[in-house]
Amino acid sequence: MARTIRWTRLVADDLEQAVEYIARDSPAYARAFARKVVDAGQSLAEFSERGAIVEELGDPSVRQLFIGSYRLVYLVAPEMVVLLGLIHARRNFGAAWKSEERMPPR
């Protein structure tokens, strides 16, 4: 059964910031990166559990896919996948992640 994909405002903001940063050096690469992120997010409708569990959070329902140097973090719920964040892998995850802002109520 396919799950619905929900993009949060925060992950959309993260993607916009990443694309703007990449576009400083290569607008073409920035567009390609944005397409990869969107495609990866949409692919989670069918293959939700394929990403690795985010060790820093210790919650098996919160997973991640690596897209280039970025971590696409998402929550797997029974009928939907909620995209929570797009964080550069070199950033301190704890500093970049504010659970109270990113995690939807359950």
C-alpha atoms as a PDB file:
ATOM      1  CA  MET A   1       0.000   0.000   0.000  1.00  0.00           C
ATOM      2  CA  ALA A   2       1.391   3.363  -1.003  1.00  0.00           C
ATOM      3  CA  ARG A   3       1.683   6.012   1.670  1.00  0.00           C
ATOM      4  CA  THR A   4       0.894   9.686   1.189  1.00  0.00           C
ATOM      5  CA  ILE A   5       3.936  11.988   1.177  1.00  0.00           C
ATOM      6  CA  ARG A   6       3.729  15.180   3.230  1.00  0.00           C
ATOM      7  CA  TRP A   7       6.371  17.893   2.909  1.00  0.00           C
ATOM      8  CA  THR A   8       6.656  20.087   5.984  1.00  0.00           C
ATOM      9  CA  ARG A   9       7.406  23.778   5.708  1.00  0.00           C
ATOM     10  CA  LEU A  10      10.761  23.202   7.397  1.00  0.00           C
ATOM     11  CA  VAL A  11      11.976  20.600   4.886  1.00  0.00           C
ATOM     12  CA  ALA A  12      10.847  22.861   2.037  1.00  0.00           C
ATOM     13  CA  ASP A  13      12.851  25.699   3.606  1.00  0.00           C
ATOM     14  CA  ASP A  14      15.863  23.387   4.021  1.00  0.00           C
ATOM     15  CA  LEU A  15      15.663  22.416   0.350  1.00  0.00           C
ATOM     16  CA  GLU A  16      15.381  26.021  -0.771  1.00  0.00           C
ATOM     17  CA  GLN A  17      18.445  27.007   1.277  1.00  0.00           C
ATOM     18  CA  ALA A  18      20.472  24.057  -0.038  1.00  0.00           C
ATOM     19  CA  VAL A  19      19.560  24.845  -3.644  1.00  0.00           C
ATOM     20  CA  GLU A  20      20.451  28.519  -3.195  1.00  0.00           C
ATOM     21  CA  TYR A  21      23.810  27.548  -1.705  1.00  0.00           C
ATOM     22  CA  ILE A  22      24.627  25.040  -4.468  1.00  0.00           C
ATOM     23  CA  ALA A  23      23.474  27.467  -7.180  1.00  0.00           C
ATOM     24  CA  ARG A  24      26.225  29.918  -6.196  1.00  0.00           C
ATOM     25  CA  ASP A  25      28.664  27.555  -7.894  1.00  0.00           C
ATOM     26  CA  SER A  26      26.414  25.720 -10.338  1.00  0.00           C
ATOM     27  CA  PRO A  27      22.790  26.531 -11.132  1.00  0.00           C
ATOM     28  CA  ALA A  28      22.567  23.360 -13.230  1.00  0.00           C
ATOM     29  CA  TYR A  29      23.788  21.169 -10.376  1.00  0.00           C
ATOM     30  CA  ALA A  30      21.395  22.935  -7.996  1.00  0.00           C
ATOM     31  CA  ARG A  31      18.444  22.097 -10.269  1.00  0.00           C
ATOM     32  CA  ALA A  32      19.596  18.487 -10.572  1.00  0.00           C
ATOM     33  CA  PHE A  33      20.002  18.234  -6.795  1.00  0.00           C
ATOM     34  CA  ALA A  34      16.494  19.623  -6.218  1.00  0.00           C
ATOM     35  CA  ARG A  35      15.073  17.054  -8.660  1.00  0.00           C
ATOM     36  CA  LYS A  36      16.905  14.228  -6.830  1.00  0.00           C
ATOM     37  CA  VAL A  37      15.501  15.336  -3.469  1.00  0.00           C
ATOM     38  CA  VAL A  38      11.956  15.607  -4.805  1.00  0.00           C
ATOM     39  CA  ASP A  39      12.222  12.221  -6.537  1.00  0.00           C
ATOM     40  CA  ALA A  40      13.655  10.592  -3.402  1.00  0.00           C
ATOM     41  CA  GLY A  41      10.853  12.056  -1.297  1.00  0.00           C
ATOM     42  CA  GLN A  42       8.190  10.811  -3.701  1.00  0.00           C
ATOM     43  CA  SER A  43       9.775   7.348  -3.866  1.00  0.00           C
ATOM     44  CA  LEU A  44       9.110   6.924  -0.145  1.00  0.00           C
ATOM     45  CA  ALA A  45       5.418   6.395  -0.910  1.00  0.00           C
ATOM     46  CA  GLU A  46       6.271   2.814  -1.920  1.00  0.00           C
ATOM     47  CA  PHE A  47       9.572   2.118  -0.150  1.00  0.00           C
ATOM     48  CA  SER A  48       9.187   3.932   3.170  1.00  0.00           C
ATOM     49  CA  GLU A  49      11.334   1.755   5.397  1.00  0.00           C
ATOM     50  CA  ARG A  50      14.353   1.569   3.111  1.00  0.00           C
ATOM     51  CA  GLY A  51      16.208   4.445   4.780  1.00  0.00           C
ATOM     52  CA  ALA A  52      18.443   3.998   7.791  1.00  0.00           C
ATOM     53  CA  ILE A  53      17.196   4.841  11.275  1.00  0.00           C
ATOM     54  CA  VAL A  54      18.504   8.225  12.476  1.00  0.00           C
ATOM     55  CA  GLU A  55      20.777   7.103  15.309  1.00  0.00           C
ATOM     56  CA  GLU A  56      20.829  10.512  16.995  1.00  0.00           C
ATOM     57  CA  LEU A  57      17.068  10.329  17.569  1.00  0.00           C
ATOM     58  CA  GLY A  58      16.765   6.652  18.509  1.00  0.00           C
ATOM     59  CA  ASP A  59      13.247   6.386  17.056  1.00  0.00           C
ATOM     60  CA  PRO A  60      12.792   3.538  14.531  1.00  0.00           C
ATOM     61  CA  SER A  61      10.028   5.446  12.767  1.00  0.00           C
ATOM     62  CA  VAL A  62      12.401   8.334  11.933  1.00  0.00           C
ATOM     63  CA  ARG A  63      14.629   7.421   9.016  1.00  0.00           C
ATOM     64  CA  GLN A  64      16.974   9.060   6.539  1.00  0.00           C
ATOM     65  CA  LEU A  65      18.127   8.821   2.960  1.00  0.00           C
ATOM     66  CA  PHE A  66      21.452  10.244   1.882  1.00  0.00           C
ATOM     67  CA  ILE A  67      21.297  12.406  -1.228  1.00  0.00           C
ATOM     68  CA  GLY A  68      24.746  13.641  -2.074  1.00  0.00           C
ATOM     69  CA  SER A  69      26.044  15.321   1.077  1.00  0.00           C
ATOM     70  CA  TYR A  70      22.572  15.761   2.579  1.00  0.00           C
ATOM     71  CA  ARG A  71      20.383  13.700   4.869  1.00  0.00           C
ATOM     72  CA  LEU A  72      16.680  13.648   3.988  1.00  0.00           C
ATOM     73  CA  VAL A  73      15.044  12.875   7.337  1.00  0.00           C
ATOM     74  CA  TYR A  74      11.501  11.540   7.438  1.00  0.00           C
ATOM     75  CA  LEU A  75       8.908   9.975   9.707  1.00  0.00           C
ATOM     76  CA  VAL A  76       7.151   6.770   8.676  1.00  0.00           C
ATOM     77  CA  ALA A  77       3.542   6.703   9.887  1.00  0.00           C
ATOM     78  CA  PRO A  78       0.948   4.010   9.087  1.00  0.00           C
ATOM     79  CA  GLU A  79      -0.604   5.856   6.144  1.00  0.00           C
ATOM     80  CA  MET A  80       1.880   8.604   5.358  1.00  0.00           C
ATOM     81  CA  VAL A  81       5.512   9.642   5.251  1.00  0.00           C
ATOM     82  CA  VAL A  82       6.287  13.078   6.675  1.00  0.00           C
ATOM     83  CA  LEU A  83       9.453  14.703   5.349  1.00  0.00           C
ATOM     84  CA  LEU A  84      11.026  16.498   8.308  1.00  0.00           C
ATOM     85  CA  GLY A  85      14.388  17.877   7.295  1.00  0.00           C
ATOM     86  CA  LEU A  86      17.188  18.115   4.770  1.00  0.00           C
ATOM     87  CA  ILE A  87      20.429  18.545   6.676  1.00  0.00           C
ATOM     88  CA  HIS A  88      23.982  18.668   5.353  1.00  0.00           C
ATOM     89  CA  ALA A  89      25.860  15.616   6.590  1.00  0.00           C
ATOM     90  CA  ARG A  90      28.793  17.704   7.861  1.00  0.00           C
ATOM     91  CA  ARG A  91      26.594  19.807  10.115  1.00  0.00           C
ATOM     92  CA  ASN A  92      26.232  18.899  13.741  1.00  0.00           C
ATOM     93  CA  PHE A  93      22.923  17.055  13.639  1.00  0.00           C
ATOM     94  CA  GLY A  94      21.928  18.058  17.167  1.00  0.00           C
ATOM     95  CA  ALA A  95      22.527  21.730  16.443  1.00  0.00           C
ATOM     96  CA  ALA A  96      20.609  21.570  13.154  1.00  0.00           C
ATOM     97  CA  TRP A  97      17.743  19.483  14.481  1.00  0.00           C
ATOM     98  CA  LYS A  98      15.198  20.932  16.839  1.00  0.00           C
ATOM     99  CA  SER A  99      12.768  18.095  17.525  1.00  0.00           C
ATOM    100  CA  GLU A 100      10.140  20.353  19.053  1.00  0.00           C
ATOM    101  CA  GLU A 101       9.935  22.221  15.753  1.00  0.00           C
ATOM    102  CA  ARG A 102      10.346  19.325  13.327  1.00  0.00           C
ATOM    103  CA  MET A 103       8.467  16.387  14.821  1.00  0.00           C
ATOM    104  CA  PRO A 104       4.727  16.353  14.192  1.00  0.00           C
ATOM    105  CA  PRO A 105       2.443  15.497  17.116  1.00  0.00           C
ATOM    106  CA  ARG A 106       1.581  11.823  17.352  1.00  0.00           C
END
